[in-house]
């Protein structure tokens, strides 16, 4: 069974999410702040972390950065703030999803299911092609490396998945709904802005080769060379 670490300074939120997680068949564990979360992740393994942002001692963003240095664990951020800046920063440090408070525990469970399912598929799937080159853009799918004019691009895990998916579907028009469903693993709970935000980040990291990601107005995107 998948083990989930629930990190929040509000005991009631931890308890409610733990109850729902147990009902879904997960094994929940709890931490009251970022420092405790980092210590627990050093001592044991988890399949996913629910991480609140505003906490004493060590905030959620800082805790995720510390945890990502030692282990690659999927993270869903929890926050009472829904500003785009917070979401962008969360995605930049490697968060897989972002849920704004107040939230429905059922929605959180749906997002957990989606992230875990997607992560499981990503570990077992073999990319269609291993090494691709488009002008000065090199993509090593098996090694999960992207090089821009010979320099390694530092992409978040979600940016890798998004780019690899679009490359594997080169020349095909992909709606935002299709990207949410196939890359994020959910549709109803998704938000079109999630796709747009990640496309914006990905384009920035690809520099001049951002030109390969074509915007299809009113629909979505396409990778085309």
N, C-alpha and C. Protein backbone atom coordinates (compact mmCIF):
# COMPACT_ATOMS: atom_id res chain seq x y z
N UNK A 1 0.84 -1.20 0.00
CA UNK A 1 0.00 0.00 0.00
C UNK A 1 0.88 1.25 0.00
N UNK A 2 0.37 2.28 -0.67
CA UNK A 2 1.12 3.52 -0.76
C UNK A 2 1.10 4.28 0.56
N UNK A 3 2.26 4.80 0.94
CA UNK A 3 2.41 5.53 2.19
C UNK A 3 2.47 7.03 1.89
N UNK A 4 1.63 7.80 2.59
CA UNK A 4 1.51 9.24 2.34
C UNK A 4 1.86 10.03 3.59
N UNK A 5 2.69 11.05 3.43
CA UNK A 5 3.03 11.95 4.54
C UNK A 5 2.20 13.22 4.41
N UNK A 6 1.41 13.50 5.44
CA UNK A 6 0.55 14.69 5.46
C UNK A 6 1.18 15.73 6.37
N UNK A 7 1.57 16.86 5.79
CA UNK A 7 2.29 17.89 6.54
C UNK A 7 1.45 19.16 6.62
N UNK A 8 1.03 19.51 7.83
CA UNK A 8 0.23 20.72 8.04
C UNK A 8 0.30 21.08 9.51
N UNK A 9 0.35 22.37 9.82
CA UNK A 9 0.43 22.77 11.23
C UNK A 9 -0.94 22.75 11.92
N UNK A 10 -1.99 22.51 11.15
CA UNK A 10 -3.33 22.39 11.74
C UNK A 10 -3.67 20.91 11.93
N UNK A 11 -3.76 20.52 13.20
CA UNK A 11 -4.00 19.10 13.53
C UNK A 11 -5.31 18.59 12.93
N UNK A 12 -6.35 19.46 12.89
CA UNK A 12 -7.65 19.02 12.37
C UNK A 12 -7.55 18.65 10.90
N UNK A 13 -6.81 19.45 10.14
CA UNK A 13 -6.64 19.14 8.71
C UNK A 13 -5.90 17.83 8.54
N UNK A 14 -4.85 17.62 9.34
CA UNK A 14 -4.09 16.37 9.25
C UNK A 14 -4.98 15.17 9.56
N UNK A 15 -5.81 15.31 10.57
CA UNK A 15 -6.66 14.19 10.97
C UNK A 15 -7.71 13.87 9.91
N UNK A 16 -8.34 14.90 9.35
CA UNK A 16 -9.36 14.68 8.33
C UNK A 16 -8.76 14.03 7.10
N UNK A 17 -7.63 14.55 6.63
CA UNK A 17 -6.99 13.98 5.44
C UNK A 17 -6.48 12.56 5.72
N UNK A 18 -6.04 12.31 6.94
CA UNK A 18 -5.59 10.96 7.30
C UNK A 18 -6.74 9.96 7.25
N UNK A 19 -7.90 10.39 7.74
CA UNK A 19 -9.08 9.51 7.72
C UNK A 19 -9.48 9.17 6.28
N UNK A 20 -9.51 10.18 5.44
CA UNK A 20 -9.87 9.95 4.04
C UNK A 20 -8.82 9.08 3.34
N UNK A 21 -7.55 9.30 3.68
CA UNK A 21 -6.48 8.51 3.06
C UNK A 21 -6.59 7.04 3.45
N UNK A 22 -6.90 6.79 4.71
CA UNK A 22 -7.07 5.41 5.18
C UNK A 22 -8.25 4.75 4.46
N UNK A 23 -9.32 5.53 4.29
CA UNK A 23 -10.51 5.01 3.60
C UNK A 23 -10.19 4.64 2.16
N UNK A 24 -9.25 5.39 1.54
CA UNK A 24 -8.85 5.12 0.16
C UNK A 24 -7.83 3.98 0.06
N UNK A 25 -7.41 3.46 1.22
CA UNK A 25 -6.48 2.35 1.21
C UNK A 25 -5.02 2.74 1.34
N UNK A 26 -4.75 4.00 1.68
CA UNK A 26 -3.38 4.46 1.86
C UNK A 26 -2.96 4.34 3.32
N UNK A 27 -1.66 4.42 3.55
CA UNK A 27 -1.12 4.41 4.90
C UNK A 27 -0.64 5.83 5.21
N UNK A 28 -1.40 6.59 6.01
CA UNK A 28 -1.02 7.98 6.26
C UNK A 28 -0.05 8.13 7.44
N UNK A 29 0.81 9.12 7.34
CA UNK A 29 1.68 9.53 8.42
C UNK A 29 1.56 11.05 8.50
N UNK A 30 1.94 11.63 9.64
CA UNK A 30 1.74 13.06 9.82
C UNK A 30 3.00 13.78 10.29
N UNK A 31 3.07 15.06 9.93
CA UNK A 31 4.14 15.94 10.42
C UNK A 31 3.51 17.31 10.61
N UNK A 32 3.89 18.01 11.71
CA UNK A 32 3.25 19.27 12.07
C UNK A 32 3.97 20.49 11.48
N UNK A 33 5.16 20.29 10.92
CA UNK A 33 5.88 21.41 10.33
C UNK A 33 6.93 20.88 9.36
N UNK A 34 7.58 21.81 8.63
CA UNK A 34 8.55 21.42 7.62
C UNK A 34 9.76 20.69 8.17
N UNK A 35 10.21 21.10 9.33
CA UNK A 35 11.39 20.46 9.94
C UNK A 35 11.10 18.98 10.22
N UNK A 36 9.94 18.72 10.79
CA UNK A 36 9.55 17.32 11.09
C UNK A 36 9.40 16.53 9.81
N UNK A 37 8.86 17.15 8.76
CA UNK A 37 8.67 16.47 7.48
C UNK A 37 10.01 16.06 6.88
N UNK A 38 10.99 16.96 6.90
CA UNK A 38 12.32 16.64 6.36
C UNK A 38 12.95 15.50 7.15
N UNK A 39 12.84 15.55 8.47
CA UNK A 39 13.42 14.51 9.32
C UNK A 39 12.77 13.16 9.03
N UNK A 40 11.46 13.14 8.86
CA UNK A 40 10.76 11.88 8.58
C UNK A 40 11.14 11.32 7.22
N UNK A 41 11.32 12.20 6.24
CA UNK A 41 11.69 11.74 4.90
C UNK A 41 13.11 11.19 4.87
N UNK A 42 13.96 11.69 5.73
CA UNK A 42 15.33 11.17 5.83
C UNK A 42 15.33 9.78 6.45
N UNK A 43 14.38 9.56 7.37
CA UNK A 43 14.36 8.30 8.12
C UNK A 43 13.58 7.19 7.42
N UNK A 44 12.62 7.55 6.57
CA UNK A 44 11.81 6.53 5.91
C UNK A 44 11.34 7.00 4.54
N UNK A 45 10.74 6.08 3.79
CA UNK A 45 10.29 6.39 2.43
C UNK A 45 8.78 6.61 2.38
N UNK A 46 8.39 7.50 1.49
CA UNK A 46 6.97 7.78 1.26
C UNK A 46 6.70 7.76 -0.24
N UNK A 47 5.46 7.45 -0.59
CA UNK A 47 5.08 7.43 -2.00
C UNK A 47 4.56 8.78 -2.47
N UNK A 48 4.14 9.62 -1.51
CA UNK A 48 3.64 10.95 -1.86
C UNK A 48 3.60 11.81 -0.59
N UNK A 49 3.76 13.12 -0.79
CA UNK A 49 3.70 14.06 0.34
C UNK A 49 2.64 15.12 0.04
N UNK A 50 1.77 15.37 1.02
CA UNK A 50 0.85 16.51 0.99
C UNK A 50 1.50 17.57 1.85
N UNK A 51 1.92 18.69 1.27
CA UNK A 51 2.73 19.68 1.99
C UNK A 51 2.05 21.04 2.06
N UNK A 52 1.71 21.46 3.26
CA UNK A 52 1.19 22.81 3.46
C UNK A 52 2.33 23.80 3.25
N UNK A 53 2.01 25.02 2.86
CA UNK A 53 3.06 26.02 2.60
C UNK A 53 3.36 26.86 3.84
N UNK A 54 2.35 27.48 4.41
CA UNK A 54 2.56 28.37 5.56
C UNK A 54 2.59 27.58 6.86
N UNK A 55 3.82 27.35 7.37
CA UNK A 55 3.99 26.60 8.61
C UNK A 55 5.13 27.21 9.43
N UNK A 56 5.12 27.00 10.75
CA UNK A 56 6.21 27.51 11.59
C UNK A 56 7.49 26.68 11.40
N UNK A 57 8.60 27.21 11.88
CA UNK A 57 9.91 26.55 11.86
C UNK A 57 10.49 26.47 10.45
N UNK A 58 9.79 25.79 9.54
CA UNK A 58 10.26 25.66 8.16
C UNK A 58 9.05 25.59 7.25
N UNK A 59 8.94 26.54 6.32
CA UNK A 59 7.76 26.57 5.44
C UNK A 59 7.79 25.41 4.44
N UNK A 60 6.66 25.21 3.79
CA UNK A 60 6.52 24.08 2.87
C UNK A 60 7.45 24.14 1.67
N UNK A 61 7.64 25.33 1.10
CA UNK A 61 8.53 25.47 -0.04
C UNK A 61 9.95 25.04 0.32
N UNK A 62 10.44 25.54 1.46
CA UNK A 62 11.80 25.21 1.90
C UNK A 62 11.92 23.72 2.21
N UNK A 63 10.87 23.16 2.82
CA UNK A 63 10.90 21.74 3.15
C UNK A 63 10.98 20.87 1.90
N UNK A 64 10.20 21.24 0.87
CA UNK A 64 10.21 20.48 -0.38
C UNK A 64 11.60 20.53 -1.02
N UNK A 65 12.21 21.71 -1.04
CA UNK A 65 13.55 21.84 -1.62
C UNK A 65 14.56 20.95 -0.90
N UNK A 66 14.46 20.88 0.43
CA UNK A 66 15.37 20.02 1.19
C UNK A 66 15.11 18.55 0.91
N UNK A 67 13.84 18.17 0.84
CA UNK A 67 13.49 16.77 0.60
C UNK A 67 13.91 16.34 -0.81
N UNK A 68 13.75 17.22 -1.79
CA UNK A 68 14.10 16.89 -3.17
C UNK A 68 15.61 16.68 -3.34
N UNK A 69 16.40 17.19 -2.41
CA UNK A 69 17.85 16.99 -2.48
C UNK A 69 18.22 15.54 -2.17
N UNK A 70 17.37 14.87 -1.41
CA UNK A 70 17.71 13.51 -0.97
C UNK A 70 16.82 12.42 -1.58
N UNK A 71 15.56 12.78 -1.92
CA UNK A 71 14.64 11.78 -2.45
C UNK A 71 13.68 12.41 -3.46
N UNK A 72 13.35 11.64 -4.48
CA UNK A 72 12.41 12.11 -5.51
C UNK A 72 11.03 11.58 -5.18
N UNK A 73 10.31 12.32 -4.34
CA UNK A 73 8.98 11.93 -3.89
C UNK A 73 7.96 12.89 -4.48
N UNK A 74 6.88 12.41 -5.09
CA UNK A 74 5.84 13.30 -5.61
C UNK A 74 5.26 14.16 -4.49
N UNK A 75 4.99 15.43 -4.80
CA UNK A 75 4.49 16.37 -3.79
C UNK A 75 3.27 17.12 -4.31
N UNK A 76 2.25 17.21 -3.46
CA UNK A 76 1.10 18.06 -3.73
C UNK A 76 1.11 19.17 -2.68
N UNK A 77 1.18 20.42 -3.12
CA UNK A 77 1.24 21.55 -2.20
C UNK A 77 -0.18 21.93 -1.77
N UNK A 78 -0.30 22.32 -0.48
CA UNK A 78 -1.57 22.80 0.06
C UNK A 78 -1.36 24.24 0.51
N UNK A 79 -2.27 25.14 0.10
CA UNK A 79 -2.08 26.53 0.48
C UNK A 79 -3.39 27.28 0.56
N UNK A 80 -3.45 28.26 1.47
CA UNK A 80 -4.62 29.11 1.58
C UNK A 80 -4.54 30.23 0.56
N UNK A 81 -3.39 30.34 -0.12
CA UNK A 81 -3.20 31.39 -1.12
C UNK A 81 -3.20 30.78 -2.52
N UNK A 82 -3.88 31.44 -3.45
CA UNK A 82 -3.96 30.89 -4.80
C UNK A 82 -3.29 31.75 -5.85
N UNK A 83 -2.40 32.66 -5.40
CA UNK A 83 -1.73 33.54 -6.36
C UNK A 83 -0.89 32.74 -7.34
N UNK A 84 -0.81 33.23 -8.58
CA UNK A 84 -0.04 32.54 -9.61
C UNK A 84 1.42 32.41 -9.21
N UNK A 85 1.97 33.42 -8.52
CA UNK A 85 3.37 33.38 -8.13
C UNK A 85 3.65 32.16 -7.26
N UNK A 86 2.77 31.92 -6.28
CA UNK A 86 2.95 30.77 -5.39
C UNK A 86 2.92 29.46 -6.16
N UNK A 87 1.97 29.36 -7.11
CA UNK A 87 1.86 28.14 -7.91
C UNK A 87 3.10 27.95 -8.76
N UNK A 88 3.54 29.03 -9.41
CA UNK A 88 4.75 28.95 -10.24
C UNK A 88 5.95 28.49 -9.44
N UNK A 89 6.12 29.08 -8.25
CA UNK A 89 7.26 28.72 -7.42
C UNK A 89 7.17 27.26 -6.99
N UNK A 90 5.95 26.83 -6.64
CA UNK A 90 5.77 25.43 -6.25
C UNK A 90 6.15 24.48 -7.36
N UNK A 91 5.72 24.78 -8.59
CA UNK A 91 6.05 23.93 -9.72
C UNK A 91 7.55 23.98 -10.03
N UNK A 92 8.16 25.15 -9.86
CA UNK A 92 9.58 25.29 -10.15
C UNK A 92 10.45 24.44 -9.23
N UNK A 93 10.01 24.25 -7.98
CA UNK A 93 10.82 23.44 -7.06
C UNK A 93 10.47 21.96 -7.14
N UNK A 94 9.57 21.60 -8.06
CA UNK A 94 9.30 20.19 -8.29
C UNK A 94 7.98 19.65 -7.80
N UNK A 95 7.06 20.53 -7.38
CA UNK A 95 5.74 20.06 -6.94
C UNK A 95 4.97 19.50 -8.13
N UNK A 96 4.17 18.46 -7.88
CA UNK A 96 3.40 17.83 -8.94
C UNK A 96 2.00 18.43 -9.09
N UNK A 97 1.50 19.02 -8.01
CA UNK A 97 0.16 19.59 -8.06
C UNK A 97 0.04 20.62 -6.94
N UNK A 98 -1.04 21.39 -6.98
CA UNK A 98 -1.22 22.50 -6.06
C UNK A 98 -2.71 22.62 -5.76
N UNK A 99 -3.08 22.52 -4.48
CA UNK A 99 -4.48 22.60 -4.07
C UNK A 99 -4.67 23.80 -3.15
N UNK A 100 -5.66 24.63 -3.46
CA UNK A 100 -5.91 25.84 -2.68
C UNK A 100 -6.97 25.57 -1.61
N UNK A 101 -6.69 26.00 -0.38
CA UNK A 101 -7.66 25.90 0.72
C UNK A 101 -8.70 27.00 0.59
N UNK A 102 -9.94 26.79 1.03
CA UNK A 102 -10.45 25.52 1.57
C UNK A 102 -10.70 24.52 0.44
N UNK A 103 -10.45 23.27 0.70
CA UNK A 103 -10.61 22.26 -0.34
C UNK A 103 -11.50 21.12 0.15
N UNK A 104 -11.98 20.35 -0.77
CA UNK A 104 -12.74 19.16 -0.45
C UNK A 104 -11.77 17.99 -0.28
N UNK A 105 -11.84 17.27 0.83
CA UNK A 105 -10.96 16.11 1.01
C UNK A 105 -11.08 15.11 -0.14
N UNK A 106 -12.29 15.01 -0.71
CA UNK A 106 -12.48 14.10 -1.84
C UNK A 106 -11.67 14.55 -3.04
N UNK A 107 -11.61 15.86 -3.26
CA UNK A 107 -10.81 16.38 -4.37
C UNK A 107 -9.33 16.09 -4.14
N UNK A 108 -8.88 16.27 -2.90
CA UNK A 108 -7.47 15.98 -2.58
C UNK A 108 -7.16 14.52 -2.85
N UNK A 109 -8.09 13.62 -2.46
CA UNK A 109 -7.87 12.20 -2.70
C UNK A 109 -7.81 11.90 -4.20
N UNK A 110 -8.66 12.58 -4.98
CA UNK A 110 -8.66 12.38 -6.43
C UNK A 110 -7.33 12.81 -7.03
N UNK A 111 -6.80 13.90 -6.52
CA UNK A 111 -5.51 14.37 -7.02
C UNK A 111 -4.38 13.43 -6.60
N UNK A 112 -4.46 12.90 -5.39
CA UNK A 112 -3.47 11.91 -4.93
C UNK A 112 -3.50 10.69 -5.84
N UNK A 113 -4.71 10.18 -6.10
CA UNK A 113 -4.85 9.02 -6.98
C UNK A 113 -4.23 9.28 -8.34
N UNK A 114 -4.49 10.48 -8.88
CA UNK A 114 -3.99 10.82 -10.22
C UNK A 114 -2.47 10.90 -10.24
N UNK A 115 -1.89 11.57 -9.23
CA UNK A 115 -0.43 11.72 -9.19
C UNK A 115 0.26 10.37 -9.01
N UNK A 116 -0.26 9.54 -8.13
CA UNK A 116 0.35 8.22 -7.91
C UNK A 116 0.22 7.33 -9.15
N UNK A 117 -0.92 7.40 -9.81
CA UNK A 117 -1.12 6.60 -11.02
C UNK A 117 -0.17 7.04 -12.11
N UNK A 118 -0.07 8.36 -12.28
CA UNK A 118 0.83 8.89 -13.30
C UNK A 118 2.29 8.54 -13.00
N UNK A 119 2.67 8.63 -11.74
CA UNK A 119 4.03 8.33 -11.35
C UNK A 119 4.36 6.86 -11.59
N UNK A 120 3.38 6.00 -11.34
CA UNK A 120 3.58 4.56 -11.56
C UNK A 120 3.75 4.25 -13.04
N UNK A 121 2.93 4.90 -13.88
CA UNK A 121 3.02 4.68 -15.32
C UNK A 121 4.35 5.19 -15.85
N UNK A 122 4.79 6.35 -15.35
CA UNK A 122 6.04 6.95 -15.82
C UNK A 122 7.24 6.05 -15.53
N UNK A 123 7.17 5.31 -14.44
CA UNK A 123 8.29 4.43 -14.07
C UNK A 123 8.36 3.17 -14.93
N UNK A 124 7.21 2.76 -15.48
CA UNK A 124 7.18 1.51 -16.24
C UNK A 124 7.17 1.72 -17.75
N UNK A 125 6.75 2.91 -18.19
CA UNK A 125 6.68 3.15 -19.62
C UNK A 125 8.06 3.33 -20.24
N UNK A 126 8.23 2.82 -21.42
CA UNK A 126 9.45 3.05 -22.19
C UNK A 126 9.15 4.05 -23.28
N UNK A 127 9.88 5.15 -23.33
CA UNK A 127 9.63 6.15 -24.36
C UNK A 127 9.74 5.55 -25.76
N UNK A 128 9.02 6.14 -26.72
CA UNK A 128 9.03 5.62 -28.08
C UNK A 128 10.41 5.71 -28.72
N UNK A 129 11.12 6.79 -28.40
CA UNK A 129 12.46 7.00 -28.96
C UNK A 129 13.36 7.48 -27.85
N UNK A 130 14.66 7.18 -27.91
CA UNK A 130 15.52 7.52 -26.79
C UNK A 130 16.25 8.84 -26.96
N UNK A 131 16.89 9.09 -28.11
CA UNK A 131 17.68 10.31 -28.28
C UNK A 131 17.21 11.06 -29.52
N UNK A 132 16.75 12.27 -29.31
CA UNK A 132 16.21 13.07 -30.41
C UNK A 132 16.93 14.41 -30.47
N UNK A 133 17.05 14.95 -31.68
CA UNK A 133 17.69 16.25 -31.84
C UNK A 133 16.91 17.10 -32.82
N UNK A 134 16.59 18.32 -32.37
CA UNK A 134 15.89 19.29 -33.21
C UNK A 134 16.73 20.57 -33.19
N UNK A 135 17.52 20.75 -34.24
CA UNK A 135 18.49 21.85 -34.28
C UNK A 135 19.38 21.77 -33.04
N UNK A 136 19.40 22.82 -32.21
CA UNK A 136 20.27 22.78 -31.03
C UNK A 136 19.60 22.22 -29.79
N UNK A 137 18.41 21.66 -29.96
CA UNK A 137 17.69 21.06 -28.84
C UNK A 137 17.86 19.55 -28.88
N UNK A 138 18.49 18.98 -27.84
CA UNK A 138 18.69 17.53 -27.74
C UNK A 138 17.87 16.98 -26.58
N UNK A 139 17.17 15.91 -26.84
CA UNK A 139 16.30 15.30 -25.83
C UNK A 139 16.67 13.84 -25.65
N UNK A 140 17.15 13.52 -24.46
CA UNK A 140 17.50 12.14 -24.10
C UNK A 140 16.38 11.60 -23.22
N UNK A 141 15.45 10.88 -23.84
CA UNK A 141 14.28 10.44 -23.11
C UNK A 141 14.59 9.39 -22.04
N UNK A 142 15.45 8.44 -22.37
CA UNK A 142 15.77 7.40 -21.39
C UNK A 142 16.54 7.97 -20.21
N UNK A 143 17.42 8.91 -20.49
CA UNK A 143 18.21 9.51 -19.42
C UNK A 143 17.53 10.69 -18.76
N UNK A 144 16.36 11.10 -19.31
CA UNK A 144 15.60 12.26 -18.82
C UNK A 144 16.48 13.51 -18.75
N UNK A 145 17.17 13.76 -19.86
CA UNK A 145 18.02 14.94 -19.96
C UNK A 145 17.63 15.75 -21.19
N UNK A 146 17.69 17.06 -21.05
CA UNK A 146 17.42 17.96 -22.17
C UNK A 146 18.58 18.95 -22.27
N UNK A 147 19.12 19.10 -23.47
CA UNK A 147 20.24 20.01 -23.67
C UNK A 147 19.86 21.10 -24.68
N UNK A 148 20.16 22.33 -24.32
CA UNK A 148 19.91 23.48 -25.19
C UNK A 148 21.26 24.04 -25.62
N UNK A 149 21.59 23.87 -26.89
CA UNK A 149 22.89 24.28 -27.43
C UNK A 149 24.04 23.73 -26.59
N UNK A 150 23.91 22.45 -26.23
CA UNK A 150 24.97 21.75 -25.50
C UNK A 150 24.94 21.94 -24.00
N UNK A 151 24.09 22.83 -23.51
CA UNK A 151 24.01 23.08 -22.06
C UNK A 151 22.76 22.40 -21.50
N UNK A 152 22.94 21.67 -20.39
CA UNK A 152 21.82 20.94 -19.80
C UNK A 152 20.78 21.90 -19.25
N UNK A 153 19.53 21.68 -19.64
CA UNK A 153 18.42 22.51 -19.14
C UNK A 153 17.90 21.90 -17.84
N UNK A 154 17.70 22.74 -16.84
CA UNK A 154 17.20 22.27 -15.55
C UNK A 154 15.68 22.36 -15.54
N UNK A 155 15.04 21.26 -15.88
CA UNK A 155 13.59 21.21 -15.93
C UNK A 155 13.03 20.53 -14.69
N UNK A 156 11.82 20.90 -14.31
CA UNK A 156 11.15 20.22 -13.22
C UNK A 156 10.63 18.88 -13.74
N UNK A 157 10.33 17.93 -12.87
CA UNK A 157 9.81 16.63 -13.32
C UNK A 157 8.58 16.78 -14.23
N UNK A 158 7.70 17.73 -13.92
CA UNK A 158 6.51 17.90 -14.73
C UNK A 158 6.84 18.48 -16.10
N UNK A 159 7.83 19.36 -16.15
CA UNK A 159 8.25 19.91 -17.44
C UNK A 159 8.83 18.81 -18.33
N UNK A 160 9.60 17.89 -17.73
CA UNK A 160 10.13 16.75 -18.49
C UNK A 160 8.98 15.94 -19.08
N UNK A 161 8.01 15.60 -18.23
CA UNK A 161 6.89 14.78 -18.69
C UNK A 161 6.11 15.47 -19.80
N UNK A 162 5.89 16.76 -19.64
CA UNK A 162 5.13 17.52 -20.62
C UNK A 162 5.87 17.57 -21.96
N UNK A 163 7.17 17.86 -21.91
CA UNK A 163 7.97 17.93 -23.14
C UNK A 163 8.04 16.57 -23.82
N UNK A 164 8.31 15.50 -23.06
CA UNK A 164 8.43 14.17 -23.65
C UNK A 164 7.11 13.74 -24.28
N UNK A 165 5.99 14.07 -23.61
CA UNK A 165 4.68 13.70 -24.15
C UNK A 165 4.43 14.42 -25.47
N UNK A 166 4.74 15.70 -25.49
CA UNK A 166 4.50 16.48 -26.71
C UNK A 166 5.41 16.02 -27.85
N UNK A 167 6.66 15.67 -27.53
CA UNK A 167 7.60 15.19 -28.55
C UNK A 167 7.13 13.84 -29.10
N UNK A 168 6.66 12.97 -28.22
CA UNK A 168 6.16 11.67 -28.66
C UNK A 168 4.90 11.80 -29.51
N UNK A 169 4.25 12.97 -29.41
CA UNK A 169 3.05 13.24 -30.22
C UNK A 169 3.33 14.40 -31.17
N UNK A 170 4.55 14.44 -31.67
CA UNK A 170 5.01 15.52 -32.55
C UNK A 170 4.06 15.71 -33.74
N UNK A 171 3.68 16.97 -33.97
CA UNK A 171 2.83 17.29 -35.10
C UNK A 171 1.34 17.11 -34.84
N UNK A 172 0.99 16.61 -33.64
CA UNK A 172 -0.41 16.37 -33.31
C UNK A 172 -0.94 17.51 -32.44
N UNK A 173 -2.10 18.05 -32.78
CA UNK A 173 -2.74 19.09 -31.99
C UNK A 173 -3.23 18.50 -30.67
N UNK A 174 -2.79 19.07 -29.56
CA UNK A 174 -3.12 18.55 -28.24
C UNK A 174 -3.92 19.60 -27.45
N UNK A 175 -5.14 19.27 -27.11
CA UNK A 175 -5.96 20.21 -26.34
C UNK A 175 -5.45 20.27 -24.91
N UNK A 176 -5.82 21.32 -24.20
CA UNK A 176 -5.45 21.43 -22.79
C UNK A 176 -6.06 20.26 -21.99
N UNK A 177 -7.29 19.90 -22.34
CA UNK A 177 -7.95 18.79 -21.66
C UNK A 177 -7.19 17.48 -21.87
N UNK A 178 -6.69 17.27 -23.09
CA UNK A 178 -5.93 16.06 -23.40
C UNK A 178 -4.63 16.04 -22.62
N UNK A 179 -3.96 17.18 -22.52
CA UNK A 179 -2.71 17.26 -21.77
C UNK A 179 -2.95 17.03 -20.28
N UNK A 180 -4.04 17.61 -19.75
CA UNK A 180 -4.36 17.39 -18.34
C UNK A 180 -4.62 15.92 -18.07
N UNK A 181 -5.36 15.29 -18.97
CA UNK A 181 -5.73 13.89 -18.79
C UNK A 181 -4.52 12.95 -18.88
N UNK A 182 -3.66 13.18 -19.90
CA UNK A 182 -2.57 12.24 -20.15
C UNK A 182 -1.28 12.55 -19.40
N UNK A 183 -1.02 13.83 -19.12
CA UNK A 183 0.22 14.19 -18.42
C UNK A 183 0.00 14.33 -16.93
N UNK A 184 -1.13 14.94 -16.56
CA UNK A 184 -1.42 15.10 -15.13
C UNK A 184 -2.22 13.94 -14.57
N UNK A 185 -2.94 13.26 -15.43
CA UNK A 185 -3.67 12.08 -14.97
C UNK A 185 -5.08 12.34 -14.51
N UNK A 186 -5.61 13.55 -14.72
CA UNK A 186 -6.99 13.82 -14.34
C UNK A 186 -7.55 14.85 -15.30
N UNK A 187 -8.88 14.96 -15.33
CA UNK A 187 -9.48 15.98 -16.18
C UNK A 187 -10.45 16.87 -15.40
N UNK A 188 -11.39 16.27 -14.73
CA UNK A 188 -12.41 17.07 -14.04
C UNK A 188 -11.82 18.02 -13.02
N UNK A 189 -10.81 17.55 -12.29
CA UNK A 189 -10.23 18.37 -11.24
C UNK A 189 -9.11 19.28 -11.76
N UNK A 190 -8.83 19.16 -13.05
CA UNK A 190 -7.75 19.95 -13.61
C UNK A 190 -8.16 21.39 -13.89
N UNK A 191 -7.17 22.20 -14.18
CA UNK A 191 -7.38 23.61 -14.46
C UNK A 191 -6.54 23.95 -15.69
N UNK A 192 -7.17 24.54 -16.69
CA UNK A 192 -6.44 24.89 -17.91
C UNK A 192 -5.21 25.71 -17.62
N UNK A 193 -5.28 26.54 -16.57
CA UNK A 193 -4.15 27.40 -16.24
C UNK A 193 -2.93 26.59 -15.80
N UNK A 194 -3.17 25.38 -15.29
CA UNK A 194 -2.06 24.51 -14.91
C UNK A 194 -1.21 24.19 -16.14
N UNK A 195 -1.87 23.87 -17.24
CA UNK A 195 -1.16 23.58 -18.49
C UNK A 195 -0.43 24.82 -18.98
N UNK A 196 -1.13 25.94 -19.02
CA UNK A 196 -0.53 27.17 -19.53
C UNK A 196 0.69 27.59 -18.70
N UNK A 197 0.59 27.43 -17.39
CA UNK A 197 1.70 27.79 -16.50
C UNK A 197 2.93 26.94 -16.80
N UNK A 198 2.73 25.64 -16.98
CA UNK A 198 3.86 24.75 -17.25
C UNK A 198 4.44 24.97 -18.65
N UNK A 199 3.58 25.27 -19.60
CA UNK A 199 4.07 25.58 -20.95
C UNK A 199 4.94 26.83 -20.89
N UNK A 200 4.51 27.82 -20.13
CA UNK A 200 5.27 29.07 -19.98
C UNK A 200 6.65 28.79 -19.38
N UNK A 201 6.70 27.96 -18.34
CA UNK A 201 7.96 27.61 -17.71
C UNK A 201 8.86 26.81 -18.66
N UNK A 202 8.25 25.86 -19.37
CA UNK A 202 9.00 25.01 -20.30
C UNK A 202 9.60 25.85 -21.42
N UNK A 203 8.82 26.72 -21.98
CA UNK A 203 9.31 27.58 -23.06
C UNK A 203 10.49 28.43 -22.59
N UNK A 204 10.39 28.92 -21.38
CA UNK A 204 11.47 29.75 -20.84
C UNK A 204 12.78 28.96 -20.77
N UNK A 205 12.69 27.69 -20.37
CA UNK A 205 13.88 26.85 -20.24
C UNK A 205 14.43 26.40 -21.59
N UNK A 206 13.59 26.34 -22.60
CA UNK A 206 14.04 25.91 -23.93
C UNK A 206 14.66 27.06 -24.73
N UNK A 207 14.55 28.29 -24.18
CA UNK A 207 15.14 29.48 -24.82
C UNK A 207 14.66 29.64 -26.26
N UNK A 208 15.57 29.77 -27.23
CA UNK A 208 15.14 30.04 -28.60
C UNK A 208 14.34 28.89 -29.20
N UNK A 209 14.48 27.69 -28.63
CA UNK A 209 13.78 26.53 -29.18
C UNK A 209 12.35 26.42 -28.64
N UNK A 210 11.95 27.45 -27.91
CA UNK A 210 10.55 27.57 -27.51
C UNK A 210 9.65 27.63 -28.75
N UNK A 211 10.27 28.00 -29.88
CA UNK A 211 9.51 28.12 -31.14
C UNK A 211 8.89 26.80 -31.57
N UNK A 212 9.41 25.68 -31.05
CA UNK A 212 8.87 24.37 -31.43
C UNK A 212 7.52 24.08 -30.77
N UNK A 213 7.21 24.82 -29.69
CA UNK A 213 5.93 24.62 -29.00
C UNK A 213 4.96 25.67 -29.53
N UNK A 214 4.06 25.23 -30.38
CA UNK A 214 3.13 26.12 -31.06
C UNK A 214 1.82 26.25 -30.28
N UNK A 215 1.37 27.48 -30.09
CA UNK A 215 0.09 27.72 -29.43
C UNK A 215 -1.05 27.62 -30.45
N UNK A 216 -2.04 26.82 -30.13
CA UNK A 216 -3.23 26.69 -30.97
C UNK A 216 -4.35 27.45 -30.27
N UNK A 217 -4.59 28.65 -30.73
CA UNK A 217 -5.52 29.54 -30.05
C UNK A 217 -6.89 28.90 -29.83
N UNK A 218 -7.33 29.00 -28.58
CA UNK A 218 -8.64 28.47 -28.22
C UNK A 218 -8.68 26.97 -28.06
N UNK A 219 -7.52 26.30 -28.22
CA UNK A 219 -7.52 24.84 -28.13
C UNK A 219 -6.42 24.30 -27.22
N UNK A 220 -5.16 24.52 -27.61
CA UNK A 220 -4.08 23.95 -26.82
C UNK A 220 -2.73 24.22 -27.45
N UNK A 221 -1.93 23.14 -27.62
CA UNK A 221 -0.57 23.31 -28.10
C UNK A 221 -0.17 22.15 -29.02
N UNK A 222 0.97 22.37 -29.70
CA UNK A 222 1.50 21.34 -30.60
C UNK A 222 3.01 21.48 -30.66
N UNK A 223 3.74 20.34 -30.63
CA UNK A 223 5.19 20.37 -30.81
C UNK A 223 5.46 20.14 -32.29
N UNK A 224 6.07 21.12 -32.91
CA UNK A 224 6.29 21.04 -34.36
C UNK A 224 7.63 21.67 -34.73
N UNK A 225 8.38 20.99 -35.62
CA UNK A 225 9.66 21.53 -36.05
C UNK A 225 9.63 21.81 -37.54
